[in-house]
Protein backbone atom coordinates (compact mmCIF):
# COMPACT_ATOMS: atom_id res chain seq x y z
CA MET A 1 132.12 186.83 118.52
CA SER A 2 130.67 188.16 115.33
CA LYS A 3 127.05 188.07 114.35
CA ARG A 4 127.93 185.68 111.51
CA ASN A 5 129.42 183.14 113.91
CA TYR A 6 126.29 183.26 116.10
CA THR A 7 124.18 182.48 113.08
CA ILE A 8 126.31 179.46 112.17
CA ILE A 9 126.24 178.09 115.71
CA ALA A 10 122.46 178.51 115.92
CA SER A 11 121.95 176.70 112.63
CA VAL A 12 124.09 173.74 113.72
CA ALA A 13 122.19 173.50 117.02
CA ILE A 14 118.83 173.41 115.21
CA ILE A 15 120.07 170.65 112.89
CA LEU A 16 121.30 168.57 115.83
CA LEU A 17 117.98 168.96 117.64
CA VAL A 18 116.05 167.80 114.54
CA LEU A 19 118.29 164.77 114.02
CA GLY A 20 117.99 163.83 117.69
CA ALA A 21 114.23 164.00 117.51
CA VAL A 22 114.21 161.81 114.39
CA PHE A 23 116.43 159.16 115.98
CA PHE A 24 114.41 159.27 119.20
CA PHE A 25 111.03 158.65 117.57
CA SER A 26 112.48 156.10 115.15
CA GLY A 27 113.86 154.15 118.06
CA GLN A 28 110.54 154.32 119.84
CA THR A 29 108.71 152.91 116.81
CA SER A 30 111.31 150.22 116.15
CA GLY A 31 111.32 149.13 119.75
CA LYS A 32 107.59 148.87 119.70
CA ASN A 33 107.67 146.53 116.63
CA VAL A 34 110.38 144.36 118.07
CA GLY A 35 109.29 144.11 121.62
CA GLN A 36 105.50 143.94 121.40
CA ALA A 37 103.98 140.43 120.84
CA ALA A 38 101.10 139.86 118.41
CA LEU A 39 97.75 138.99 119.98
CA VAL A 40 96.27 135.71 118.69
CA SER A 41 93.75 133.02 119.57
CA ASN A 42 94.77 129.38 119.68
CA ALA A 43 93.48 125.82 119.75
CA LYS A 44 95.03 122.40 120.18
CA VAL A 45 95.26 119.67 117.55
CA GLU A 46 92.80 117.00 118.70
CA MET A 47 92.20 113.35 117.95
CA SER A 48 88.54 112.83 117.13
CA ARG A 49 86.65 109.58 116.62
CA VAL A 50 83.99 109.71 113.95
CA ASN A 51 81.48 107.39 112.34
CA GLU A 52 81.64 107.95 108.60
CA THR A 53 80.09 106.34 105.57
CA PRO A 54 82.54 106.97 102.73
CA ILE A 55 81.14 107.49 99.25
CA LEU A 56 83.17 105.67 96.61
CA GLY A 57 82.51 107.12 93.17
CA GLY A 58 83.57 106.13 89.69
CA LYS A 59 82.48 105.05 86.22
CA LEU A 60 80.88 101.69 85.53
CA GLU A 61 82.88 99.34 83.32
CA ALA A 62 82.06 96.13 81.47
CA ILE A 63 83.69 93.00 82.85
CA GLU A 64 83.70 91.24 79.49
CA SER A 65 83.96 92.82 76.05
CA ALA A 66 85.28 91.73 72.68
CA ASN A 67 86.23 93.21 69.32
CA VAL A 68 85.64 90.46 66.75
CA ILE A 69 87.93 90.21 63.70
CA SER A 70 88.31 87.63 60.95
CA LYS A 71 91.20 85.17 61.00
CA ILE A 72 91.24 85.08 57.19
CA THR A 73 90.60 87.53 54.39
CA GLY A 74 87.33 86.92 52.59
CA LYS A 75 84.17 88.38 51.15
CA ILE A 76 81.26 88.80 53.58
CA LYS A 77 78.41 86.43 52.72
CA ALA A 78 76.01 87.18 55.58
CA VAL A 79 75.82 89.32 58.75
CA ASN A 80 73.40 87.79 61.27
CA VAL A 81 73.39 90.55 63.91
CA ASP A 82 72.87 94.28 64.28
CA ILE A 83 73.58 96.87 66.98
CA GLY A 84 71.62 95.90 70.09
CA SER A 85 71.37 92.20 69.21
CA GLN A 86 71.83 89.89 72.18
CA VAL A 87 73.97 86.84 71.50
CA LYS A 88 75.38 83.88 73.36
CA ALA A 89 78.88 82.45 73.13
CA GLY A 90 79.07 80.29 69.98
CA ASP A 91 76.28 82.03 68.07
CA ILE A 92 77.19 82.67 64.42
CA LEU A 93 77.70 86.39 63.83
CA ILE A 94 79.11 86.51 60.28
CA THR A 95 79.81 84.04 57.47
CA LEU A 96 82.27 84.48 54.61
CA ASP A 97 82.14 83.10 51.08
CA ALA A 98 84.02 79.84 51.46
CA ASN A 99 84.01 78.09 48.05
CA GLU A 100 87.78 77.66 48.06
CA GLN A 101 87.79 76.47 51.66
CA GLU A 102 85.06 73.91 50.93
CA ALA A 103 87.01 72.63 47.92
CA GLY A 104 90.10 72.39 50.08
CA VAL A 105 88.25 70.27 52.62
CA ALA A 106 86.95 67.94 49.88
CA GLN A 107 90.44 67.59 48.41
CA ALA A 108 91.95 66.85 51.81
CA GLU A 109 89.27 64.27 52.59
CA ALA A 110 90.05 62.50 49.31
CA ALA A 111 93.74 62.51 50.18
CA VAL A 112 92.96 60.88 53.51
CA GLU A 113 91.04 58.09 51.74
CA VAL A 114 93.99 57.52 49.41
CA ALA A 115 96.36 57.33 52.38
CA ARG A 116 94.10 54.83 54.16
CA SER A 117 93.91 52.71 51.02
CA ALA A 118 97.71 52.81 50.80
CA LEU A 119 97.95 51.61 54.39
CA GLN A 120 95.58 48.73 53.65
CA THR A 121 97.60 47.79 50.57
CA ALA A 122 100.77 47.91 52.68
CA ARG A 123 99.25 45.36 55.06
CA LEU A 124 98.41 43.02 52.17
CA ASP A 125 101.88 43.38 50.66
CA TYR A 126 103.41 42.69 54.02
CA GLU A 127 101.38 39.50 54.50
CA THR A 128 102.25 38.31 50.96
CA THR A 129 105.99 39.01 51.23
CA LYS A 130 106.09 37.51 54.70
CA SER A 131 104.50 34.27 53.43
CA ASN A 132 106.97 34.12 50.51
CA TYR A 133 109.85 34.88 52.87
CA GLU A 134 108.95 32.08 55.30
CA ARG A 135 108.24 29.52 52.54
CA ASN A 136 111.49 30.21 50.69
CA LYS A 137 113.43 30.26 53.91
CA THR A 138 112.50 26.60 54.30
CA LEU A 139 113.66 25.94 50.73
CA LEU A 140 116.91 27.75 51.50
CA GLU A 141 117.48 25.54 54.52
CA GLN A 142 116.82 22.49 52.32
CA GLY A 143 119.27 23.78 49.69
CA ALA A 144 116.61 24.17 47.05
CA ILE A 145 117.52 27.80 46.36
CA SER A 146 120.72 29.75 46.67
CA PRO A 147 121.33 32.31 49.46
CA SER A 148 121.66 35.15 46.92
CA THR A 149 118.35 34.31 45.33
CA PHE A 150 116.69 34.18 48.74
CA ASP A 151 118.18 37.48 49.89
CA ASN A 152 117.57 39.46 46.68
CA THR A 153 114.13 38.11 45.89
CA TYR A 154 112.39 37.27 49.12
CA ALA A 155 114.22 38.72 52.16
CA LEU A 156 114.65 42.18 50.58
CA ALA A 157 111.02 42.33 49.45
CA PHE A 158 109.82 41.31 52.91
CA LYS A 159 112.01 43.94 54.61
CA LYS A 160 110.71 46.70 52.32
CA ALA A 161 107.09 45.69 52.87
CA GLU A 162 107.63 45.63 56.64
CA GLN A 163 109.31 49.06 56.60
CA TYR A 164 106.53 50.64 54.54
CA LEU A 165 103.79 49.10 56.70
CA ASN A 166 105.36 50.31 59.94
CA PHE A 167 106.58 53.74 58.86
CA GLY A 168 105.84 54.89 55.30
CA ALA A 169 102.11 54.20 55.06
CA PRO A 170 101.27 55.49 58.60
CA ALA A 171 103.29 58.66 57.95
CA GLY A 172 101.40 59.24 54.71
CA LEU A 173 98.08 58.86 56.53
CA SER A 174 99.18 61.21 59.34
CA GLN A 175 100.22 63.81 56.77
CA ALA A 176 96.86 63.52 54.98
CA LEU A 177 94.95 63.83 58.26
CA ALA A 178 96.95 66.95 59.21
CA ALA A 179 96.19 68.51 55.84
CA LEU A 180 92.50 67.72 56.39
CA GLN A 181 92.56 69.39 59.82
CA LEU A 182 94.14 72.49 58.28
CA ALA A 183 91.54 72.60 55.52
CA GLN A 184 88.73 72.17 58.05
CA ALA A 185 90.19 74.95 60.20
CA ASN A 186 90.34 77.29 57.20
CA TYR A 187 86.73 76.47 56.44
CA ALA A 188 85.74 76.98 60.08
CA ASN A 189 87.41 80.41 60.00
CA SER A 190 84.86 81.46 57.41
CA ILE A 191 82.18 81.09 60.10
CA ILE A 192 82.70 83.82 62.73
CA SER A 193 81.08 83.11 66.09
CA SER A 194 80.62 85.13 69.28
CA PRO A 195 83.35 84.51 71.87
CA ILE A 196 81.15 85.63 74.80
CA ASN A 197 77.58 86.22 75.89
CA GLY A 198 76.75 89.84 75.24
CA VAL A 199 75.11 92.66 73.32
CA ILE A 200 76.36 93.97 69.97
CA THR A 201 77.55 97.56 70.44
CA ALA A 202 79.07 98.20 67.00
CA LYS A 203 78.77 96.71 63.48
CA ASN A 204 81.38 97.83 60.96
CA ILE A 205 80.77 95.46 58.00
CA ASN A 206 78.00 94.58 55.52
CA PRO A 207 77.41 91.70 53.07
CA GLY A 208 79.57 91.95 49.96
CA GLU A 209 82.36 93.85 51.68
CA LEU A 210 85.82 92.42 52.27
CA ALA A 211 86.79 91.21 55.74
CA THR A 212 90.46 91.38 56.62
CA THR A 213 92.50 90.29 59.60
CA SER A 214 93.00 93.89 60.78
CA VAL A 215 89.45 95.31 60.73
CA THR A 216 87.02 94.95 63.67
CA LEU A 217 83.83 93.47 62.27
CA VAL A 218 81.61 93.77 65.34
CA SER A 219 82.07 94.76 68.99
CA LEU A 220 80.11 93.30 71.87
CA VAL A 221 79.93 93.65 75.63
CA ASN A 222 78.56 91.46 78.41
CA LEU A 223 76.12 93.50 80.51
CA ASP A 224 74.96 90.72 82.85
CA GLU A 225 77.40 92.07 85.41
CA VAL A 226 79.22 95.42 85.52
CA MET A 227 82.09 96.70 87.61
CA LEU A 228 82.62 99.92 89.55
CA GLN A 229 86.31 100.73 89.84
CA THR A 230 87.05 103.40 92.42
CA ALA A 231 89.95 104.83 94.45
CA VAL A 232 89.78 104.56 98.24
CA ASP A 233 91.68 106.78 100.67
CA GLU A 234 94.32 105.18 102.89
CA SER A 235 92.30 106.02 106.00
CA TYR A 236 89.48 103.71 104.83
CA ILE A 237 91.24 100.96 102.92
CA ASN A 238 91.96 98.66 105.88
CA GLN A 239 88.30 98.78 106.90
CA LEU A 240 87.20 97.12 103.66
CA ARG A 241 87.27 93.40 102.92
CA GLU A 242 86.83 91.39 99.75
CA GLY A 243 83.35 89.89 99.78
CA ASN A 244 81.81 92.83 101.68
CA GLN A 245 78.32 93.73 100.49
CA VAL A 246 77.81 97.34 99.36
CA GLN A 247 74.95 99.37 97.94
CA VAL A 248 75.59 101.04 94.58
CA LYS A 249 73.55 104.01 93.37
CA VAL A 250 73.41 105.10 89.74
CA GLY A 251 71.53 108.38 89.62
CA ALA A 252 70.99 108.24 85.87
CA VAL A 253 69.00 105.00 86.24
CA SER A 254 67.14 104.94 89.53
CA ASP A 255 66.92 106.34 93.05
CA GLN A 256 67.04 102.75 94.28
CA SER A 257 70.35 101.10 95.10
CA PHE A 258 71.76 98.05 93.35
CA PRO A 259 73.46 95.32 95.42
CA GLY A 260 77.17 94.96 94.86
CA VAL A 261 80.11 93.06 96.31
CA ILE A 262 83.75 94.04 96.72
CA ALA A 263 85.67 91.71 94.40
CA ASN A 264 89.21 93.04 94.57
CA ILE A 265 91.27 95.43 96.73
CA ALA A 266 94.65 96.68 95.52
CA GLN A 267 97.57 96.08 97.87
CA ALA A 268 99.41 99.25 96.80
CA ALA A 269 98.29 102.80 96.17
CA SER A 270 98.04 104.10 92.61
CA SER A 271 100.82 106.51 91.63
CA SER A 272 98.30 108.72 89.82
CA SER A 273 95.31 108.91 92.17
CA LYS A 274 97.28 108.19 95.39
CA GLY A 275 94.35 105.99 96.42
CA PHE A 276 93.89 102.23 96.57
CA THR A 277 91.93 100.75 93.67
CA VAL A 278 88.82 98.81 94.71
CA LYS A 279 86.67 96.83 92.25
CA ILE A 280 82.99 96.31 93.02
CA LEU A 281 80.85 93.88 91.00
CA VAL A 282 77.17 94.70 90.44
CA ASP A 283 74.60 92.27 89.05
CA ASN A 284 72.79 93.75 86.04
CA PRO A 285 70.22 91.18 84.85
CA ASP A 286 67.96 93.78 83.21
CA HIS A 287 70.90 95.57 81.53
CA LEU A 288 69.82 98.90 83.01
CA LEU A 289 73.39 99.78 83.97
CA LYS A 290 75.63 100.79 81.08
CA PRO A 291 79.42 101.17 80.91
CA GLY A 292 80.40 104.82 81.38
CA MET A 293 77.59 105.69 83.80
CA PHE A 294 78.68 107.39 87.05
CA ALA A 295 78.00 105.32 90.17
CA GLU A 296 78.49 105.70 93.92
CA ALA A 297 79.01 102.86 96.36
CA ASN A 298 78.20 103.21 100.06
CA PRO A 299 80.01 100.64 102.22
CA SER A 300 79.17 100.10 105.87
CA THR A 301 79.74 102.92 108.36
CA ILE A 302 83.37 103.11 109.43
CA ASP A 303 84.56 104.09 112.90
CA ARG A 304 87.96 105.77 112.76
CA ALA A 305 90.14 108.32 114.53
CA LYS A 306 91.45 111.46 112.85
CA LEU A 307 93.36 114.63 113.73
CA VAL A 308 91.26 117.78 113.54
CA VAL A 309 91.77 121.53 113.95
CA PRO A 310 89.30 124.41 113.82
CA LYS A 311 88.48 125.31 110.23
CA ALA A 312 89.76 128.86 110.78
CA ALA A 313 93.28 127.58 111.56
CA VAL A 314 93.94 126.43 107.98
CA ILE A 315 94.96 129.00 105.39
CA SER A 316 95.49 128.34 101.67
CA GLU A 317 98.24 129.99 99.63
CA GLY A 318 99.46 129.09 96.16
CA GLY A 319 97.50 125.86 96.03
CA LYS A 320 98.90 124.63 99.35
CA ASP A 321 97.50 124.56 102.90
CA TYR A 322 99.25 125.92 106.00
CA VAL A 323 98.75 126.50 109.72
CA TRP A 324 100.65 128.68 112.19
CA ILE A 325 102.09 126.59 115.06
CA ILE A 326 102.79 128.15 118.47
CA GLU A 327 105.93 126.85 120.18
CA ASN A 328 107.63 128.53 123.16
CA GLY A 329 105.69 131.74 122.60
CA SER A 330 106.70 132.08 118.93
CA VAL A 331 105.01 131.07 115.71
CA SER A 332 106.17 129.10 112.69
CA LYS A 333 104.34 128.35 109.46
CA LYS A 334 103.78 124.65 108.65
CA GLU A 335 102.44 123.05 105.48
CA VAL A 336 99.74 120.44 106.09
CA THR A 337 97.62 117.99 104.11
CA LYS A 338 93.89 118.45 104.59
CA GLY A 339 91.31 115.70 104.70
CA ILE A 340 87.55 115.98 104.94
CA ALA A 341 86.25 119.36 106.17
CA GLY A 342 83.18 119.53 108.40
CA ALA A 343 81.11 122.46 109.54
CA THR A 344 83.63 123.68 112.15
CA LYS A 345 86.55 121.24 112.05
CA THR A 346 88.98 120.21 109.33
CA GLU A 347 90.78 116.87 109.22
CA ILE A 348 94.57 117.04 109.01
CA LYS A 349 96.03 113.98 107.32
CA ALA A 350 99.70 115.00 107.51
CA GLY A 351 101.89 117.73 108.99
CA LEU A 352 100.64 117.94 112.60
CA SER A 353 100.63 115.89 115.79
CA GLU A 354 98.06 115.61 118.53
CA GLY A 355 98.46 118.28 121.22
CA GLN A 356 100.24 120.90 119.13
CA GLU A 357 98.95 124.48 119.38
CA VAL A 358 97.77 126.30 116.26
CA VAL A 359 96.68 129.89 115.68
CA THR A 360 92.96 130.29 114.96
CA SER A 361 92.73 134.12 114.66
CA GLY A 362 95.08 137.08 114.36
CA MET A 363 97.37 135.39 111.80
CA GLU A 364 97.03 138.20 109.23
CA LYS A 365 100.26 140.02 110.32
CA LEU A 366 102.22 137.05 111.59
CA GLN A 367 105.79 136.49 110.46
CA GLU A 368 108.08 133.50 110.92
CA GLY A 369 109.50 133.46 114.47
CA MET A 370 107.33 136.33 115.73
CA LYS A 371 106.44 136.40 119.42
CA VAL A 372 102.72 136.05 120.17
CA THR A 373 100.44 136.52 123.11
CA VAL A 374 97.46 134.20 123.38
CA GLN A 375 94.35 136.04 124.41
CA GLN A 376 92.40 134.37 127.16
């Protein structure tokens, strides 16, 4: 064998040895990754009973408010209120120039008097024609007058007088009275009164300006009682009852609480907030509470059960919350819905069941389906 052939054989042998070593160590590393289980700590999902006092927050709202407009177009004669004025229902807020409306009322009243006079005249005509009818009927029976003369002169006149008394004159009076009511209503519309008890919050008109049927003249709100509208979580909603007394705090006003009462509880959750709307009424005799102020209501302490896991078990990714569940020695990632978090425990509202095992440490390198070993 030549020296050249020895060289070739030696080179091939070296290459084979290198490749064998590569495959050997690669297999060792791969086997280690596949066969070795990750070391983790675990905890069980527990049911915990807690005494909680939920805080129900929201903005105060007015129960009654009104934007006052004019029913007719007219020139402003007088404005009797300003921003901050307190009024009662029926108080006169604004008056309009009403010369035409006053003239209309006078004209309608005169028409009513004419219609009443016509009705009185109809009664007299009826009595007269009736007397003539009855007297000449006797003459007709005696043959003193002809039937045609009786019918054309006395019977027809009596029938017309009777018809007018029973229908024509009363209808004329009814029409005149209706016209008077309309004229009085038009005149009354020139006097604009408050529809509710309240405080003037806006004034958009001054004397001499023109009021129309589309412009808000003044706005007012009733502050004797205000309402806190808040959203309550499903875990609390069945613990609340209409009529329950609650304490309402408004930090912008006072450190003291204001007494309130639950007036209404929604029977279905809101599609936007996912909570149940609860309305709480708060007496406000001194008008210290204003619409738009933030308030918090504290109902009675509630005893309830909830699922909890150690805080460390919950991880957040992409705006969602997850835990790693251990089942049959392997792990799987599960999305959950968190509730209230405490110092060491976190409430789980959806996604887990009592007794399941979750990873509490060592989840950094976990992959779906990976085998794990729980350290003791």
